[in-house]
Amino acid sequence: MVDSNTEQPQFSSEWQNPGERDLADIPSVEVISRAAVMLLSASAERLGLADDDPENSPYRDLDEARRLITALAGLVTSSAEYLGAHAGPLREGLQSLQRAFREASVVPDEPGQGPGEKYTGRVPARPANDSGA
């Protein structure tokens, strides 16, 4: 939201005091992790993965999913050194989304050209014996 008098962004009190904590008191790794989880969740929604039938999900939007996955890839890649033990699971979640995007695409991207792959490198295909569970 932008205040028309000052043209400065105005943030909701929920963002300023998440869970009654001042943003300044939250460690950077937690802020980065929260942002990554939000991008993971939003990407999954836009891929339709929250619905029983992803292809017919009313929320499915591959263009939006591409943007979110690319943003997530940039965040995870650029902050991996600060994330410690959180980096591995976030990277695995990102790769799962990248594979799901590839599987959902009617016209597949060239290898290494999928969402976020400019930051992560080419994501290998899921092994044939991996059910994705």
C-alpha atoms as a PDB file:
ATOM      1  CA  MET A   1       0.000   0.000   0.000  1.00  0.00           C
ATOM      2  CA  VAL A   2       1.308   3.514  -0.824  1.00  0.00           C
ATOM      3  CA  ASP A   3       0.373   6.628   1.133  1.00  0.00           C
ATOM      4  CA  SER A   4      -0.731   9.142  -1.513  1.00  0.00           C
ATOM      5  CA  ASN A   5       0.494  12.094   0.563  1.00  0.00           C
ATOM      6  CA  THR A   6       4.085  10.935   0.900  1.00  0.00           C
ATOM      7  CA  GLU A   7       4.369   8.306  -1.874  1.00  0.00           C
ATOM      8  CA  GLN A   8       6.213   6.093   0.614  1.00  0.00           C
ATOM      9  CA  PRO A   9       5.279   2.407   0.941  1.00  0.00           C
ATOM     10  CA  GLN A  10       3.235   1.690   4.047  1.00  0.00           C
ATOM     11  CA  PHE A  11       3.497  -1.790   5.537  1.00  0.00           C
ATOM     12  CA  SER A  12       0.800  -3.488   7.539  1.00  0.00           C
ATOM     13  CA  SER A  13       1.308  -3.806  11.267  1.00  0.00           C
ATOM     14  CA  GLU A  14       1.409  -7.606  10.801  1.00  0.00           C
ATOM     15  CA  TRP A  15       4.636  -7.253   8.784  1.00  0.00           C
ATOM     16  CA  GLN A  16       6.070  -4.693  11.169  1.00  0.00           C
ATOM     17  CA  ASN A  17       5.306  -6.847  14.226  1.00  0.00           C
ATOM     18  CA  PRO A  18       4.983 -10.464  13.101  1.00  0.00           C
ATOM     19  CA  GLY A  19       3.841 -12.483  16.076  1.00  0.00           C
ATOM     20  CA  GLU A  20       4.364  -9.473  18.339  1.00  0.00           C
ATOM     21  CA  ARG A  21       8.104  -9.450  17.575  1.00  0.00           C
ATOM     22  CA  ASP A  22       9.845  -6.434  16.134  1.00  0.00           C
ATOM     23  CA  LEU A  23      11.296  -7.169  12.716  1.00  0.00           C
ATOM     24  CA  ALA A  24      14.614  -5.842  13.987  1.00  0.00           C
ATOM     25  CA  ASP A  25      14.674  -8.641  16.574  1.00  0.00           C
ATOM     26  CA  ILE A  26      14.241 -11.459  14.057  1.00  0.00           C
ATOM     27  CA  PRO A  27      17.533 -13.046  12.942  1.00  0.00           C
ATOM     28  CA  SER A  28      18.317 -12.631   9.252  1.00  0.00           C
ATOM     29  CA  VAL A  29      18.306 -16.398   8.644  1.00  0.00           C
ATOM     30  CA  GLU A  30      14.710 -16.515   9.892  1.00  0.00           C
ATOM     31  CA  VAL A  31      13.643 -13.615   7.665  1.00  0.00           C
ATOM     32  CA  ILE A  32      15.279 -15.276   4.643  1.00  0.00           C
ATOM     33  CA  SER A  33      13.756 -18.656   5.519  1.00  0.00           C
ATOM     34  CA  ARG A  34      10.271 -17.148   5.943  1.00  0.00           C
ATOM     35  CA  ALA A  35      10.558 -15.433   2.562  1.00  0.00           C
ATOM     36  CA  ALA A  36      11.718 -18.688   0.960  1.00  0.00           C
ATOM     37  CA  VAL A  37       8.826 -20.652   2.489  1.00  0.00           C
ATOM     38  CA  MET A  38       6.370 -18.036   1.231  1.00  0.00           C
ATOM     39  CA  LEU A  39       7.837 -18.326  -2.290  1.00  0.00           C
ATOM     40  CA  LEU A  40       7.766 -22.146  -2.069  1.00  0.00           C
ATOM     41  CA  SER A  41       4.115 -22.127  -1.033  1.00  0.00           C
ATOM     42  CA  ALA A  42       3.055 -19.563  -3.617  1.00  0.00           C
ATOM     43  CA  SER A  43       4.882 -21.484  -6.361  1.00  0.00           C
ATOM     44  CA  ALA A  44       3.180 -24.729  -5.398  1.00  0.00           C
ATOM     45  CA  GLU A  45      -0.218 -22.983  -5.485  1.00  0.00           C
ATOM     46  CA  ARG A  46       0.483 -21.533  -8.938  1.00  0.00           C
ATOM     47  CA  LEU A  47       1.498 -24.983 -10.176  1.00  0.00           C
ATOM     48  CA  GLY A  48      -1.843 -26.272  -8.878  1.00  0.00           C
ATOM     49  CA  LEU A  49      -0.137 -28.695  -6.499  1.00  0.00           C
ATOM     50  CA  ALA A  50      -2.516 -27.906  -3.637  1.00  0.00           C
ATOM     51  CA  ASP A  51      -5.460 -29.332  -5.599  1.00  0.00           C
ATOM     52  CA  ASP A  52      -6.373 -32.954  -6.214  1.00  0.00           C
ATOM     53  CA  ASP A  53      -6.299 -32.243  -9.961  1.00  0.00           C
ATOM     54  CA  PRO A  54      -3.422 -29.776 -10.571  1.00  0.00           C
ATOM     55  CA  GLU A  55      -4.159 -29.428 -14.298  1.00  0.00           C
ATOM     56  CA  ASN A  56      -7.632 -28.073 -13.574  1.00  0.00           C
ATOM     57  CA  SER A  57      -6.777 -25.987 -10.513  1.00  0.00           C
ATOM     58  CA  PRO A  58      -8.336 -22.513 -10.624  1.00  0.00           C
ATOM     59  CA  TYR A  59      -5.047 -21.189  -9.192  1.00  0.00           C
ATOM     60  CA  ARG A  60      -2.788 -22.759 -11.793  1.00  0.00           C
ATOM     61  CA  ASP A  61      -0.797 -20.120 -13.645  1.00  0.00           C
ATOM     62  CA  LEU A  62       2.526 -21.302 -15.076  1.00  0.00           C
ATOM     63  CA  ASP A  63       3.694 -17.790 -15.958  1.00  0.00           C
ATOM     64  CA  GLU A  64       3.265 -16.716 -12.333  1.00  0.00           C
ATOM     65  CA  ALA A  65       4.849 -19.974 -11.138  1.00  0.00           C
ATOM     66  CA  ARG A  66       7.900 -19.319 -13.334  1.00  0.00           C
ATOM     67  CA  ARG A  67       8.396 -15.887 -11.759  1.00  0.00           C
ATOM     68  CA  LEU A  68       8.027 -17.191  -8.222  1.00  0.00           C
ATOM     69  CA  ILE A  69      10.354 -20.153  -8.789  1.00  0.00           C
ATOM     70  CA  THR A  70      12.977 -17.887 -10.344  1.00  0.00           C
ATOM     71  CA  ALA A  71      12.751 -15.509  -7.371  1.00  0.00           C
ATOM     72  CA  LEU A  72      13.074 -18.448  -4.989  1.00  0.00           C
ATOM     73  CA  ALA A  73      16.108 -19.754  -6.882  1.00  0.00           C
ATOM     74  CA  GLY A  74      17.799 -16.361  -6.646  1.00  0.00           C
ATOM     75  CA  LEU A  75      17.086 -16.089  -2.930  1.00  0.00           C
ATOM     76  CA  VAL A  76      18.180 -19.622  -2.040  1.00  0.00           C
ATOM     77  CA  THR A  77      21.291 -19.511  -4.224  1.00  0.00           C
ATOM     78  CA  SER A  78      22.461 -16.099  -3.065  1.00  0.00           C
ATOM     79  CA  SER A  79      21.849 -16.774   0.629  1.00  0.00           C
ATOM     80  CA  ALA A  80      22.870 -20.453   0.887  1.00  0.00           C
ATOM     81  CA  GLU A  81      26.011 -19.632   2.856  1.00  0.00           C
ATOM     82  CA  TYR A  82      23.920 -17.928   5.561  1.00  0.00           C
ATOM     83  CA  LEU A  83      21.169 -20.538   5.770  1.00  0.00           C
ATOM     84  CA  GLY A  84      23.259 -23.325   7.286  1.00  0.00           C
ATOM     85  CA  ALA A  85      21.131 -26.423   7.902  1.00  0.00           C
ATOM     86  CA  HIS A  86      18.120 -24.726   6.237  1.00  0.00           C
ATOM     87  CA  ALA A  87      19.860 -24.527   2.839  1.00  0.00           C
ATOM     88  CA  GLY A  88      19.549 -28.229   1.966  1.00  0.00           C
ATOM     89  CA  PRO A  89      15.799 -28.602   2.509  1.00  0.00           C
ATOM     90  CA  LEU A  90      15.100 -25.294   0.741  1.00  0.00           C
ATOM     91  CA  ARG A  91      17.252 -26.370  -2.203  1.00  0.00           C
ATOM     92  CA  GLU A  92      15.409 -29.728  -2.377  1.00  0.00           C
ATOM     93  CA  GLY A  93      12.049 -27.971  -2.282  1.00  0.00           C
ATOM     94  CA  LEU A  94      13.180 -25.642  -5.056  1.00  0.00           C
ATOM     95  CA  GLN A  95      14.301 -28.561  -7.225  1.00  0.00           C
ATOM     96  CA  SER A  96      10.972 -30.312  -6.666  1.00  0.00           C
ATOM     97  CA  LEU A  97       9.139 -27.209  -7.872  1.00  0.00           C
ATOM     98  CA  GLN A  98      11.439 -26.893 -10.884  1.00  0.00           C
ATOM     99  CA  ARG A  99      10.726 -30.523 -11.814  1.00  0.00           C
ATOM    100  CA  ALA A 100       6.986 -30.057 -11.273  1.00  0.00           C
ATOM    101  CA  PHE A 101       7.085 -27.013 -13.550  1.00  0.00           C
ATOM    102  CA  ARG A 102       8.878 -29.015 -16.238  1.00  0.00           C
ATOM    103  CA  GLU A 103       6.272 -31.779 -15.971  1.00  0.00           C
ATOM    104  CA  ALA A 104       3.387 -29.275 -16.130  1.00  0.00           C
ATOM    105  CA  SER A 105       4.701 -27.397 -19.161  1.00  0.00           C
ATOM    106  CA  VAL A 106       3.062 -28.171 -22.482  1.00  0.00           C
ATOM    107  CA  VAL A 107       6.123 -26.830 -24.306  1.00  0.00           C
ATOM    108  CA  PRO A 108       9.187 -27.810 -22.267  1.00  0.00           C
ATOM    109  CA  ASP A 109      12.031 -25.359 -21.797  1.00  0.00           C
ATOM    110  CA  GLU A 110      15.418 -26.174 -23.253  1.00  0.00           C
ATOM    111  CA  PRO A 111      17.696 -27.880 -20.703  1.00  0.00           C
ATOM    112  CA  GLY A 112      19.087 -25.234 -18.370  1.00  0.00           C
ATOM    113  CA  GLN A 113      16.449 -22.671 -19.403  1.00  0.00           C
ATOM    114  CA  GLY A 114      13.701 -23.592 -16.924  1.00  0.00           C
ATOM    115  CA  PRO A 115      12.610 -21.318 -14.098  1.00  0.00           C
ATOM    116  CA  GLY A 116      15.500 -20.428 -11.831  1.00  0.00           C
ATOM    117  CA  GLU A 117      18.029 -22.535 -13.717  1.00  0.00           C
ATOM    118  CA  LYS A 118      20.125 -19.473 -14.528  1.00  0.00           C
ATOM    119  CA  TYR A 119      20.841 -19.393 -10.770  1.00  0.00           C
ATOM    120  CA  THR A 120      20.840 -23.100  -9.919  1.00  0.00           C
ATOM    121  CA  GLY A 121      22.155 -24.658 -13.073  1.00  0.00           C
ATOM    122  CA  ARG A 122      20.343 -27.424 -14.888  1.00  0.00           C
ATOM    123  CA  VAL A 123      18.042 -29.428 -12.635  1.00  0.00           C
ATOM    124  CA  PRO A 124      18.370 -33.155 -13.322  1.00  0.00           C
ATOM    125  CA  ALA A 125      15.259 -35.116 -14.175  1.00  0.00           C
ATOM    126  CA  ARG A 126      13.646 -37.132 -11.421  1.00  0.00           C
ATOM    127  CA  PRO A 127      15.039 -40.664 -11.363  1.00  0.00           C
ATOM    128  CA  ALA A 128      12.656 -43.187 -12.965  1.00  0.00           C
ATOM    129  CA  ASN A 129      12.256 -45.124  -9.701  1.00  0.00           C
ATOM    130  CA  ASP A 130      11.468 -41.960  -7.688  1.00  0.00           C
ATOM    131  CA  SER A 131       7.717 -41.610  -7.188  1.00  0.00           C
ATOM    132  CA  GLY A 132       8.096 -38.038  -5.927  1.00  0.00           C
ATOM    133  CA  ALA A 133       6.793 -38.902  -2.483  1.00  0.00           C
END
